[in-house]
Amino acid sequence: MGFKTFLLNYMDVYHALSKQQYRSEMGILGDILDVTADGGREGIIISAISRKANLSHYAVIDKCSKLVDAGLMRAIQTNRNKIYQITEKGLAFFQEFKRFQGLVDSMNLRY
């Protein structure tokens, strides 16, 4: 087998394996912001974020806390649940994040 064939086979295997890796921290935060933005003005509860973003309940609590501390989301305590809403700052950040994500994807890079 020549070097060129080896390199092409290696690239195919690498590409297949790289698709199976977990999301990055930024990817997870982006998914949570996306789900929260879909919740609109009514907001969304932790269990719905967990289900729609495909994350554990405890991971969502941790990430939402970070997003609230950064001012990208707000948490509102109701009688029964804590409701999360995306802020204007969070919406602006998420739109820029999606633009960045599109650029990275168009270049076939991982972030």
PDB file of N, CA and C in Angstrom:
ATOM      1  N   MET A   1       0.853  -1.174   0.000  1.00  0.00           N
ATOM      2  CA  MET A   1       0.000   0.000   0.000  1.00  0.00           C
ATOM      3  C   MET A   1       0.898   1.236   0.000  1.00  0.00           C
ATOM      4  N   GLY A   2       0.595   2.145  -0.913  1.00  0.00           N
ATOM      5  CA  GLY A   2       1.374   3.367  -1.011  1.00  0.00           C
ATOM      6  C   GLY A   2       0.978   4.369   0.063  1.00  0.00           C
ATOM      7  N   PHE A   3       1.823   5.374   0.228  1.00  0.00           N
ATOM      8  CA  PHE A   3       1.579   6.397   1.243  1.00  0.00           C
ATOM      9  C   PHE A   3       0.284   7.157   0.977  1.00  0.00           C
ATOM     10  N   LYS A   4       0.006   7.455  -0.289  1.00  0.00           N
ATOM     11  CA  LYS A   4      -1.205   8.194  -0.637  1.00  0.00           C
ATOM     12  C   LYS A   4      -2.460   7.396  -0.251  1.00  0.00           C
ATOM     13  N   THR A   5      -2.466   6.097  -0.517  1.00  0.00           N
ATOM     14  CA  THR A   5      -3.603   5.244  -0.155  1.00  0.00           C
ATOM     15  C   THR A   5      -3.759   5.187   1.358  1.00  0.00           C
ATOM     16  N   PHE A   6      -2.623   5.039   2.064  1.00  0.00           N
ATOM     17  CA  PHE A   6      -2.652   5.013   3.520  1.00  0.00           C
ATOM     18  C   PHE A   6      -3.239   6.312   4.066  1.00  0.00           C
ATOM     19  N   LEU A   7      -2.774   7.422   3.525  1.00  0.00           N
ATOM     20  CA  LEU A   7      -3.243   8.724   3.995  1.00  0.00           C
ATOM     21  C   LEU A   7      -4.737   8.900   3.747  1.00  0.00           C
ATOM     22  N   LEU A   8      -5.222   8.492   2.596  1.00  0.00           N
ATOM     23  CA  LEU A   8      -6.650   8.596   2.286  1.00  0.00           C
ATOM     24  C   LEU A   8      -7.475   7.706   3.218  1.00  0.00           C
ATOM     25  N   ASN A   9      -6.996   6.493   3.482  1.00  0.00           N
ATOM     26  CA  ASN A   9      -7.704   5.601   4.415  1.00  0.00           C
ATOM     27  C   ASN A   9      -7.719   6.184   5.826  1.00  0.00           C
ATOM     28  N   TYR A  10      -6.583   6.737   6.251  1.00  0.00           N
ATOM     29  CA  TYR A  10      -6.490   7.355   7.570  1.00  0.00           C
ATOM     30  C   TYR A  10      -7.469   8.509   7.693  1.00  0.00           C
ATOM     31  N   MET A  11      -7.551   9.338   6.654  1.00  0.00           N
ATOM     32  CA  MET A  11      -8.465  10.478   6.677  1.00  0.00           C
ATOM     33  C   MET A  11      -9.915  10.016   6.771  1.00  0.00           C
ATOM     34  N   ASP A  12     -10.267   8.939   6.067  1.00  0.00           N
ATOM     35  CA  ASP A  12     -11.634   8.404   6.138  1.00  0.00           C
ATOM     36  C   ASP A  12     -11.961   7.926   7.544  1.00  0.00           C
ATOM     37  N   VAL A  13     -11.028   7.198   8.166  1.00  0.00           N
ATOM     38  CA  VAL A  13     -11.245   6.694   9.522  1.00  0.00           C
ATOM     39  C   VAL A  13     -11.331   7.860  10.499  1.00  0.00           C
ATOM     40  N   TYR A  14     -10.427   8.818  10.388  1.00  0.00           N
ATOM     41  CA  TYR A  14     -10.431   9.986  11.279  1.00  0.00           C
ATOM     42  C   TYR A  14     -11.745  10.743  11.163  1.00  0.00           C
ATOM     43  N   HIS A  15     -12.205  10.961   9.947  1.00  0.00           N
ATOM     44  CA  HIS A  15     -13.452  11.688   9.737  1.00  0.00           C
ATOM     45  C   HIS A  15     -14.626  10.941  10.375  1.00  0.00           C
ATOM     46  N   ALA A  16     -14.683   9.637  10.214  1.00  0.00           N
ATOM     47  CA  ALA A  16     -15.771   8.840  10.791  1.00  0.00           C
ATOM     48  C   ALA A  16     -15.739   8.900  12.318  1.00  0.00           C
ATOM     49  N   LEU A  17     -14.555   8.795  12.908  1.00  0.00           N
ATOM     50  CA  LEU A  17     -14.443   8.820  14.358  1.00  0.00           C
ATOM     51  C   LEU A  17     -14.724  10.207  14.924  1.00  0.00           C
ATOM     52  N   SER A  18     -14.305  11.249  14.226  1.00  0.00           N
ATOM     53  CA  SER A  18     -14.499  12.598  14.740  1.00  0.00           C
ATOM     54  C   SER A  18     -15.980  12.961  14.798  1.00  0.00           C
ATOM     55  N   LYS A  19     -16.799  12.374  13.962  1.00  0.00           N
ATOM     56  CA  LYS A  19     -18.236  12.628  13.977  1.00  0.00           C
ATOM     57  C   LYS A  19     -18.894  12.043  15.222  1.00  0.00           C
ATOM     58  N   GLN A  20     -18.259  11.059  15.865  1.00  0.00           N
ATOM     59  CA  GLN A  20     -18.852  10.371  16.993  1.00  0.00           C
ATOM     60  C   GLN A  20     -18.494  11.008  18.330  1.00  0.00           C
ATOM     61  N   GLN A  21     -17.638  12.000  18.337  1.00  0.00           N
ATOM     62  CA  GLN A  21     -17.217  12.584  19.598  1.00  0.00           C
ATOM     63  C   GLN A  21     -18.324  13.444  20.191  1.00  0.00           C
ATOM     64  N   TYR A  22     -18.215  13.677  21.478  1.00  0.00           N
ATOM     65  CA  TYR A  22     -19.209  14.450  22.195  1.00  0.00           C
ATOM     66  C   TYR A  22     -19.159  15.919  21.794  1.00  0.00           C
ATOM     67  N   ARG A  23     -20.215  16.625  22.147  1.00  0.00           N
ATOM     68  CA  ARG A  23     -20.278  18.061  21.874  1.00  0.00           C
ATOM     69  C   ARG A  23     -19.280  18.805  22.749  1.00  0.00           C
ATOM     70  N   SER A  24     -18.827  19.926  22.234  1.00  0.00           N
ATOM     71  CA  SER A  24     -17.949  20.783  23.023  1.00  0.00           C
ATOM     72  C   SER A  24     -18.787  21.544  24.048  1.00  0.00           C
ATOM     73  N   GLU A  25     -18.117  22.156  24.992  1.00  0.00           N
ATOM     74  CA  GLU A  25     -18.805  22.980  25.997  1.00  0.00           C
ATOM     75  C   GLU A  25     -19.608  24.080  25.303  1.00  0.00           C
ATOM     76  N   MET A  26     -19.000  24.714  24.321  1.00  0.00           N
ATOM     77  CA  MET A  26     -19.711  25.778  23.594  1.00  0.00           C
ATOM     78  C   MET A  26     -20.903  25.213  22.832  1.00  0.00           C
ATOM     79  N   GLY A  27     -20.749  24.034  22.269  1.00  0.00           N
ATOM     80  CA  GLY A  27     -21.853  23.404  21.564  1.00  0.00           C
ATOM     81  C   GLY A  27     -23.022  23.117  22.490  1.00  0.00           C
ATOM     82  N   ILE A  28     -22.716  22.665  23.701  1.00  0.00           N
ATOM     83  CA  ILE A  28     -23.750  22.379  24.688  1.00  0.00           C
ATOM     84  C   ILE A  28     -24.447  23.665  25.113  1.00  0.00           C
ATOM     85  N   LEU A  29     -23.673  24.709  25.398  1.00  0.00           N
ATOM     86  CA  LEU A  29     -24.270  25.987  25.783  1.00  0.00           C
ATOM     87  C   LEU A  29     -25.126  26.539  24.645  1.00  0.00           C
ATOM     88  N   GLY A  30     -24.657  26.377  23.413  1.00  0.00           N
ATOM     89  CA  GLY A  30     -25.436  26.812  22.255  1.00  0.00           C
ATOM     90  C   GLY A  30     -26.747  26.053  22.139  1.00  0.00           C
ATOM     91  N   ASP A  31     -26.709  24.756  22.395  1.00  0.00           N
ATOM     92  CA  ASP A  31     -27.939  23.952  22.356  1.00  0.00           C
ATOM     93  C   ASP A  31     -28.930  24.398  23.429  1.00  0.00           C
ATOM     94  N   ILE A  32     -28.421  24.694  24.605  1.00  0.00           N
ATOM     95  CA  ILE A  32     -29.302  25.150  25.689  1.00  0.00           C
ATOM     96  C   ILE A  32     -29.917  26.502  25.343  1.00  0.00           C
ATOM     97  N   LEU A  33     -29.114  27.409  24.791  1.00  0.00           N
ATOM     98  CA  LEU A  33     -29.656  28.709  24.388  1.00  0.00           C
ATOM     99  C   LEU A  33     -30.697  28.542  23.284  1.00  0.00           C
ATOM    100  N   ASP A  34     -30.452  27.635  22.372  1.00  0.00           N
ATOM    101  CA  ASP A  34     -31.398  27.365  21.289  1.00  0.00           C
ATOM    102  C   ASP A  34     -32.738  26.887  21.847  1.00  0.00           C
ATOM    103  N   VAL A  35     -32.688  25.929  22.742  1.00  0.00           N
ATOM    104  CA  VAL A  35     -33.908  25.381  23.354  1.00  0.00           C
ATOM    105  C   VAL A  35     -34.630  26.470  24.157  1.00  0.00           C
ATOM    106  N   THR A  36     -33.858  27.270  24.889  1.00  0.00           N
ATOM    107  CA  THR A  36     -34.446  28.330  25.703  1.00  0.00           C
ATOM    108  C   THR A  36     -35.076  29.405  24.825  1.00  0.00           C
ATOM    109  N   ALA A  37     -34.430  29.727  23.715  1.00  0.00           N
ATOM    110  CA  ALA A  37     -35.006  30.706  22.778  1.00  0.00           C
ATOM    111  C   ALA A  37     -36.322  30.183  22.214  1.00  0.00           C
ATOM    112  N   ASP A  38     -36.387  28.892  21.938  1.00  0.00           N
ATOM    113  CA  ASP A  38     -37.631  28.290  21.446  1.00  0.00           C
ATOM    114  C   ASP A  38     -38.747  28.371  22.491  1.00  0.00           C
ATOM    115  N   GLY A  39     -38.372  28.460  23.766  1.00  0.00           N
ATOM    116  CA  GLY A  39     -39.358  28.579  24.838  1.00  0.00           C
ATOM    117  C   GLY A  39     -40.079  29.916  24.842  1.00  0.00           C
ATOM    118  N   GLY A  40     -39.498  30.892  24.159  1.00  0.00           N
ATOM    119  CA  GLY A  40     -40.134  32.199  24.033  1.00  0.00           C
ATOM    120  C   GLY A  40     -40.267  32.940  25.350  1.00  0.00           C
ATOM    121  N   ARG A  41     -41.268  33.818  25.402  1.00  0.00           N
ATOM    122  CA  ARG A  41     -41.475  34.652  26.588  1.00  0.00           C
ATOM    123  C   ARG A  41     -41.959  33.856  27.784  1.00  0.00           C
ATOM    124  N   GLU A  42     -42.604  32.722  27.514  1.00  0.00           N
ATOM    125  CA  GLU A  42     -43.100  31.898  28.614  1.00  0.00           C
ATOM    126  C   GLU A  42     -41.964  31.206  29.349  1.00  0.00           C
ATOM    127  N   GLY A  43     -40.846  30.992  28.661  1.00  0.00           N
ATOM    128  CA  GLY A  43     -39.713  30.308  29.259  1.00  0.00           C
ATOM    129  C   GLY A  43     -39.871  28.800  29.188  1.00  0.00           C
ATOM    130  N   ILE A  44     -38.948  28.122  29.804  1.00  0.00           N
ATOM    131  CA  ILE A  44     -38.922  26.663  29.734  1.00  0.00           C
ATOM    132  C   ILE A  44     -38.331  26.112  31.026  1.00  0.00           C
ATOM    133  N   ILE A  45     -38.821  24.967  31.463  1.00  0.00           N
ATOM    134  CA  ILE A  45     -38.336  24.369  32.706  1.00  0.00           C
ATOM    135  C   ILE A  45     -37.136  23.455  32.425  1.00  0.00           C
ATOM    136  N   ILE A  46     -36.401  23.157  33.496  1.00  0.00           N
ATOM    137  CA  ILE A  46     -35.178  22.348  33.393  1.00  0.00           C
ATOM    138  C   ILE A  46     -35.423  21.011  32.707  1.00  0.00           C
ATOM    139  N   SER A  47     -36.482  20.313  33.070  1.00  0.00           N
ATOM    140  CA  SER A  47     -36.709  18.979  32.498  1.00  0.00           C
ATOM    141  C   SER A  47     -36.928  19.051  30.994  1.00  0.00           C
ATOM    142  N   ALA A  48     -37.575  20.105  30.514  1.00  0.00           N
ATOM    143  CA  ALA A  48     -37.784  20.259  29.068  1.00  0.00           C
ATOM    144  C   ALA A  48     -36.461  20.594  28.377  1.00  0.00           C
ATOM    145  N   ILE A  49     -35.644  21.434  29.007  1.00  0.00           N
ATOM    146  CA  ILE A  49     -34.322  21.745  28.443  1.00  0.00           C
ATOM    147  C   ILE A  49     -33.501  20.464  28.373  1.00  0.00           C
ATOM    148  N   SER A  50     -33.515  19.709  29.440  1.00  0.00           N
ATOM    149  CA  SER A  50     -32.764  18.456  29.514  1.00  0.00           C
ATOM    150  C   SER A  50     -33.159  17.509  28.382  1.00  0.00           C
ATOM    151  N   ARG A  51     -34.438  17.351  28.198  1.00  0.00           N
ATOM    152  CA  ARG A  51     -34.948  16.435  27.166  1.00  0.00           C
ATOM    153  C   ARG A  51     -34.602  16.934  25.755  1.00  0.00           C
ATOM    154  N   LYS A  52     -34.854  18.207  25.501  1.00  0.00           N
ATOM    155  CA  LYS A  52     -34.663  18.740  24.143  1.00  0.00           C
ATOM    156  C   LYS A  52     -33.190  18.924  23.776  1.00  0.00           C
ATOM    157  N   ALA A  53     -32.337  19.189  24.772  1.00  0.00           N
ATOM    158  CA  ALA A  53     -30.903  19.371  24.513  1.00  0.00           C
ATOM    159  C   ALA A  53     -30.129  18.070  24.684  1.00  0.00           C
ATOM    160  N   ASN A  54     -30.822  17.002  25.082  1.00  0.00           N
ATOM    161  CA  ASN A  54     -30.216  15.688  25.259  1.00  0.00           C
ATOM    162  C   ASN A  54     -29.065  15.727  26.279  1.00  0.00           C
ATOM    163  N   LEU A  55     -29.391  16.255  27.456  1.00  0.00           N
ATOM    164  CA  LEU A  55     -28.422  16.372  28.541  1.00  0.00           C
ATOM    165  C   LEU A  55     -29.041  15.880  29.837  1.00  0.00           C
ATOM    166  N   SER A  56     -28.201  15.491  30.779  1.00  0.00           N
ATOM    167  CA  SER A  56     -28.715  15.080  32.082  1.00  0.00           C
ATOM    168  C   SER A  56     -29.270  16.298  32.819  1.00  0.00           C
ATOM    169  N   HIS A  57     -30.157  16.012  33.748  1.00  0.00           N
ATOM    170  CA  HIS A  57     -30.779  17.061  34.557  1.00  0.00           C
ATOM    171  C   HIS A  57     -29.714  17.898  35.271  1.00  0.00           C
ATOM    172  N   TYR A  58     -28.732  17.225  35.871  1.00  0.00           N
ATOM    173  CA  TYR A  58     -27.700  17.931  36.632  1.00  0.00           C
ATOM    174  C   TYR A  58     -26.765  18.739  35.734  1.00  0.00           C
ATOM    175  N   ALA A  59     -26.496  18.241  34.543  1.00  0.00           N
ATOM    176  CA  ALA A  59     -25.667  19.003  33.600  1.00  0.00           C
ATOM    177  C   ALA A  59     -26.390  20.279  33.186  1.00  0.00           C
ATOM    178  N   VAL A  60     -27.691  20.187  32.971  1.00  0.00           N
ATOM    179  CA  VAL A  60     -28.472  21.370  32.582  1.00  0.00           C
ATOM    180  C   VAL A  60     -28.490  22.400  33.705  1.00  0.00           C
ATOM    181  N   ILE A  61     -28.651  21.943  34.936  1.00  0.00           N
ATOM    182  CA  ILE A  61     -28.636  22.877  36.075  1.00  0.00           C
ATOM    183  C   ILE A  61     -27.307  23.630  36.113  1.00  0.00           C
ATOM    184  N   ASP A  62     -26.199  22.906  35.961  1.00  0.00           N
ATOM    185  CA  ASP A  62     -24.863  23.520  35.981  1.00  0.00           C
ATOM    186  C   ASP A  62     -24.696  24.526  34.842  1.00  0.00           C
ATOM    187  N   LYS A  63     -25.057  24.127  33.640  1.00  0.00           N
ATOM    188  CA  LYS A  63     -24.875  25.002  32.471  1.00  0.00           C
ATOM    189  C   LYS A  63     -25.806  26.211  32.527  1.00  0.00           C
ATOM    190  N   CYS A  64     -27.040  26.006  32.962  1.00  0.00           N
ATOM    191  CA  CYS A  64     -27.977  27.130  33.073  1.00  0.00           C
ATOM    192  C   CYS A  64     -27.483  28.144  34.097  1.00  0.00           C
ATOM    193  N   SER A  65     -26.897  27.656  35.185  1.00  0.00           N
ATOM    194  CA  SER A  65     -26.339  28.553  36.189  1.00  0.00           C
ATOM    195  C   SER A  65     -25.246  29.433  35.577  1.00  0.00           C
ATOM    196  N   LYS A  66     -24.397  28.839  34.758  1.00  0.00           N
ATOM    197  CA  LYS A  66     -23.344  29.611  34.083  1.00  0.00           C
ATOM    198  C   LYS A  66     -23.936  30.648  33.135  1.00  0.00           C
ATOM    199  N   LEU A  67     -24.968  30.254  32.401  1.00  0.00           N
ATOM    200  CA  LEU A  67     -25.597  31.171  31.450  1.00  0.00           C
ATOM    201  C   LEU A  67     -26.325  32.307  32.162  1.00  0.00           C
ATOM    202  N   VAL A  68     -26.933  32.031  33.314  1.00  0.00           N
ATOM    203  CA  VAL A  68     -27.584  33.073  34.106  1.00  0.00           C
ATOM    204  C   VAL A  68     -26.527  34.033  34.648  1.00  0.00           C
ATOM    205  N   ASP A  69     -25.421  33.488  35.174  1.00  0.00           N
ATOM    206  CA  ASP A  69     -24.335  34.329  35.703  1.00  0.00           C
ATOM    207  C   ASP A  69     -23.749  35.236  34.626  1.00  0.00           C
ATOM    208  N   ALA A  70     -23.743  34.766  33.380  1.00  0.00           N
ATOM    209  CA  ALA A  70     -23.203  35.555  32.268  1.00  0.00           C
ATOM    210  C   ALA A  70     -24.225  36.555  31.724  1.00  0.00           C
ATOM    211  N   GLY A  71     -25.453  36.497  32.225  1.00  0.00           N
ATOM    212  CA  GLY A  71     -26.485  37.417  31.767  1.00  0.00           C
ATOM    213  C   GLY A  71     -27.139  37.009  30.451  1.00  0.00           C
ATOM    214  N   LEU A  72     -26.908  35.761  30.024  1.00  0.00           N
ATOM    215  CA  LEU A  72     -27.472  35.299  28.755  1.00  0.00           C
ATOM    216  C   LEU A  72     -28.859  34.683  28.938  1.00  0.00           C
ATOM    217  N   MET A  73     -29.173  34.297  30.180  1.00  0.00           N
ATOM    218  CA  MET A  73     -30.494  33.761  30.517  1.00  0.00           C
ATOM    219  C   MET A  73     -30.902  34.339  31.863  1.00  0.00           C
ATOM    220  N   ARG A  74     -32.202  34.259  32.150  1.00  0.00           N
ATOM    221  CA  ARG A  74     -32.689  34.621  33.477  1.00  0.00           C
ATOM    222  C   ARG A  74     -33.490  33.454  34.027  1.00  0.00           C
ATOM    223  N   ALA A  75     -33.471  33.320  35.331  1.00  0.00           N
ATOM    224  CA  ALA A  75     -34.217  32.265  36.015  1.00  0.00           C
ATOM    225  C   ALA A  75     -35.318  32.920  36.841  1.00  0.00           C
ATOM    226  N   ILE A  76     -36.535  32.404  36.684  1.00  0.00           N
ATOM    227  CA  ILE A  76     -37.688  32.921  37.421  1.00  0.00           C
ATOM    228  C   ILE A  76     -38.299  31.764  38.204  1.00  0.00           C
ATOM    229  N   GLN A  77     -38.367  31.937  39.522  1.00  0.00           N
ATOM    230  CA  GLN A  77     -38.941  30.902  40.375  1.00  0.00           C
ATOM    231  C   GLN A  77     -40.447  31.083  40.442  1.00  0.00           C
ATOM    232  N   THR A  78     -41.195  30.051  40.074  1.00  0.00           N
ATOM    233  CA  THR A  78     -42.652  30.051  40.217  1.00  0.00           C
ATOM    234  C   THR A  78     -42.997  29.213  41.441  1.00  0.00           C
ATOM    235  N   ASN A  79     -44.282  29.014  41.678  1.00  0.00           N
ATOM    236  CA  ASN A  79     -44.698  28.180  42.812  1.00  0.00           C
ATOM    237  C   ASN A  79     -44.148  26.765  42.712  1.00  0.00           C
ATOM    238  N   ARG A  80     -44.104  26.239  41.486  1.00  0.00           N
ATOM    239  CA  ARG A  80     -43.728  24.830  41.321  1.00  0.00           C
ATOM    240  C   ARG A  80     -42.354  24.628  40.682  1.00  0.00           C
ATOM    241  N   ASN A  81     -41.938  25.521  39.794  1.00  0.00           N
ATOM    242  CA  ASN A  81     -40.730  25.288  38.998  1.00  0.00           C
ATOM    243  C   ASN A  81     -39.886  26.544  38.877  1.00  0.00           C
ATOM    244  N   LYS A  82     -38.676  26.334  38.405  1.00  0.00           N
ATOM    245  CA  LYS A  82     -37.824  27.438  37.990  1.00  0.00           C
ATOM    246  C   LYS A  82     -37.923  27.495  36.472  1.00  0.00           C
ATOM    247  N   ILE A  83     -38.288  28.645  35.956  1.00  0.00           N
ATOM    248  CA  ILE A  83     -38.453  28.857  34.521  1.00  0.00           C
ATOM    249  C   ILE A  83     -37.236  29.628  34.005  1.00  0.00           C
ATOM    250  N   TYR A  84     -36.698  29.194  32.877  1.00  0.00           N
ATOM    251  CA  TYR A  84     -35.554  29.872  32.269  1.00  0.00           C
ATOM    252  C   TYR A  84     -35.989  30.561  30.987  1.00  0.00           C
ATOM    253  N   GLN A  85     -35.517  31.805  30.842  1.00  0.00           N
ATOM    254  CA  GLN A  85     -35.786  32.590  29.644  1.00  0.00           C
ATOM    255  C   GLN A  85     -34.472  33.133  29.105  1.00  0.00           C
ATOM    256  N   ILE A  86     -34.373  33.216  27.792  1.00  0.00           N
ATOM    257  CA  ILE A  86     -33.189  33.821  27.185  1.00  0.00           C
ATOM    258  C   ILE A  86     -33.338  35.343  27.267  1.00  0.00           C
ATOM    259  N   THR A  87     -32.256  36.041  27.526  1.00  0.00           N
ATOM    260  CA  THR A  87     -32.280  37.505  27.585  1.00  0.00           C
ATOM    261  C   THR A  87     -31.965  38.069  26.204  1.00  0.00           C
ATOM    262  N   GLU A  88     -32.102  39.381  26.060  1.00  0.00           N
ATOM    263  CA  GLU A  88     -31.733  40.037  24.797  1.00  0.00           C
ATOM    264  C   GLU A  88     -30.249  39.825  24.509  1.00  0.00           C
ATOM    265  N   LYS A  89     -29.435  39.930  25.553  1.00  0.00           N
ATOM    266  CA  LYS A  89     -27.997  39.682  25.412  1.00  0.00           C
ATOM    267  C   LYS A  89     -27.759  38.243  24.964  1.00  0.00           C
ATOM    268  N   GLY A  90     -28.502  37.301  25.539  1.00  0.00           N
ATOM    269  CA  GLY A  90     -28.379  35.892  25.175  1.00  0.00           C
ATOM    270  C   GLY A  90     -28.799  35.634  23.747  1.00  0.00           C
ATOM    271  N   LEU A  91     -29.861  36.302  23.315  1.00  0.00           N
ATOM    272  CA  LEU A  91     -30.329  36.146  21.942  1.00  0.00           C
ATOM    273  C   LEU A  91     -29.295  36.681  20.949  1.00  0.00           C
ATOM    274  N   ALA A  92     -28.717  37.841  21.258  1.00  0.00           N
ATOM    275  CA  ALA A  92     -27.684  38.415  20.386  1.00  0.00           C
ATOM    276  C   ALA A  92     -26.461  37.496  20.335  1.00  0.00           C
ATOM    277  N   PHE A  93     -26.066  36.982  21.501  1.00  0.00           N
ATOM    278  CA  PHE A  93     -24.935  36.056  21.557  1.00  0.00           C
ATOM    279  C   PHE A  93     -25.220  34.805  20.742  1.00  0.00           C
ATOM    280  N   PHE A  94     -26.417  34.250  20.894  1.00  0.00           N
ATOM    281  CA  PHE A  94     -26.778  33.022  20.192  1.00  0.00           C
ATOM    282  C   PHE A  94     -26.777  33.227  18.679  1.00  0.00           C
ATOM    283  N   GLN A  95     -27.264  34.357  18.210  1.00  0.00           N
ATOM    284  CA  GLN A  95     -27.253  34.633  16.771  1.00  0.00           C
ATOM    285  C   GLN A  95     -25.830  34.713  16.238  1.00  0.00           C
ATOM    286  N   GLU A  96     -24.938  35.361  16.978  1.00  0.00           N
ATOM    287  CA  GLU A  96     -23.532  35.422  16.568  1.00  0.00           C
ATOM    288  C   GLU A  96     -22.887  34.044  16.636  1.00  0.00           C
ATOM    289  N   PHE A  97     -23.245  33.265  17.637  1.00  0.00           N
ATOM    290  CA  PHE A  97     -22.724  31.909  17.775  1.00  0.00           C
ATOM    291  C   PHE A  97     -23.130  31.056  16.574  1.00  0.00           C
ATOM    292  N   LYS A  98     -24.373  31.171  16.129  1.00  0.00           N
ATOM    293  CA  LYS A  98     -24.835  30.411  14.966  1.00  0.00           C
ATOM    294  C   LYS A  98     -24.066  30.829  13.709  1.00  0.00           C
ATOM    295  N   ARG A  99     -23.770  32.116  13.573  1.00  0.00           N
ATOM    296  CA  ARG A  99     -22.961  32.569  12.434  1.00  0.00           C
ATOM    297  C   ARG A  99     -21.572  31.955  12.491  1.00  0.00           C
ATOM    298  N   PHE A 100     -20.962  31.957  13.670  1.00  0.00           N
ATOM    299  CA  PHE A 100     -19.646  31.357  13.858  1.00  0.00           C
ATOM    300  C   PHE A 100     -19.695  29.863  13.541  1.00  0.00           C
ATOM    301  N   GLN A 101     -20.722  29.192  14.042  1.00  0.00           N
ATOM    302  CA  GLN A 101     -20.884  27.753  13.822  1.00  0.00           C
ATOM    303  C   GLN A 101     -20.999  27.453  12.319  1.00  0.00           C
ATOM    304  N   GLY A 102     -21.737  28.271  11.603  1.00  0.00           N
ATOM    305  CA  GLY A 102     -21.868  28.096  10.157  1.00  0.00           C
ATOM    306  C   GLY A 102     -20.537  28.254   9.446  1.00  0.00           C
ATOM    307  N   LEU A 103     -19.744  29.232   9.868  1.00  0.00           N
ATOM    308  CA  LEU A 103     -18.426  29.455   9.278  1.00  0.00           C
ATOM    309  C   LEU A 103     -17.507  28.271   9.540  1.00  0.00           C
ATOM    310  N   VAL A 104     -17.496  27.790  10.775  1.00  0.00           N
ATOM    311  CA  VAL A 104     -16.660  26.642  11.137  1.00  0.00           C
ATOM    312  C   VAL A 104     -17.081  25.409  10.339  1.00  0.00           C
ATOM    313  N   ASP A 105     -18.391  25.185  10.235  1.00  0.00           N
ATOM    314  CA  ASP A 105     -18.893  24.038   9.476  1.00  0.00           C
ATOM    315  C   ASP A 105     -18.508  24.128   8.006  1.00  0.00           C
ATOM    316  N   SER A 106     -18.577  25.339   7.443  1.00  0.00           N
ATOM    317  CA  SER A 106     -18.245  25.505   6.022  1.00  0.00           C
ATOM    318  C   SER A 106     -16.770  25.230   5.750  1.00  0.00           C
ATOM    319  N   MET A 107     -15.942  25.351   6.782  1.00  0.00           N
ATOM    320  CA  MET A 107     -14.507  25.091   6.643  1.00  0.00           C
ATOM    321  C   MET A 107     -14.146  23.679   7.075  1.00  0.00           C
ATOM    322  N   ASN A 108     -15.151  22.886   7.452  1.00  0.00           N
ATOM    323  CA  ASN A 108     -14.952  21.506   7.928  1.00  0.00           C
ATOM    324  C   ASN A 108     -14.006  21.434   9.111  1.00  0.00           C
ATOM    325  N   LEU A 109     -14.177  22.384  10.048  1.00  0.00           N
ATOM    326  CA  LEU A 109     -13.363  22.418  11.264  1.00  0.00           C
ATOM    327  C   LEU A 109     -14.214  21.977  12.444  1.00  0.00           C
ATOM    328  N   ARG A 110     -13.539  21.582  13.519  1.00  0.00           N
ATOM    329  CA  ARG A 110     -14.234  21.262  14.777  1.00  0.00           C
ATOM    330  C   ARG A 110     -13.900  22.339  15.778  1.00  0.00           C
ATOM    331  N   TYR A 111     -14.843  22.684  16.622  1.00  0.00           N
ATOM    332  CA  TYR A 111     -14.594  23.698  17.655  1.00  0.00           C
ATOM    333  C   TYR A 111     -14.906  23.143  19.008  1.00  0.00           C
TER     334      TYR A 111
END
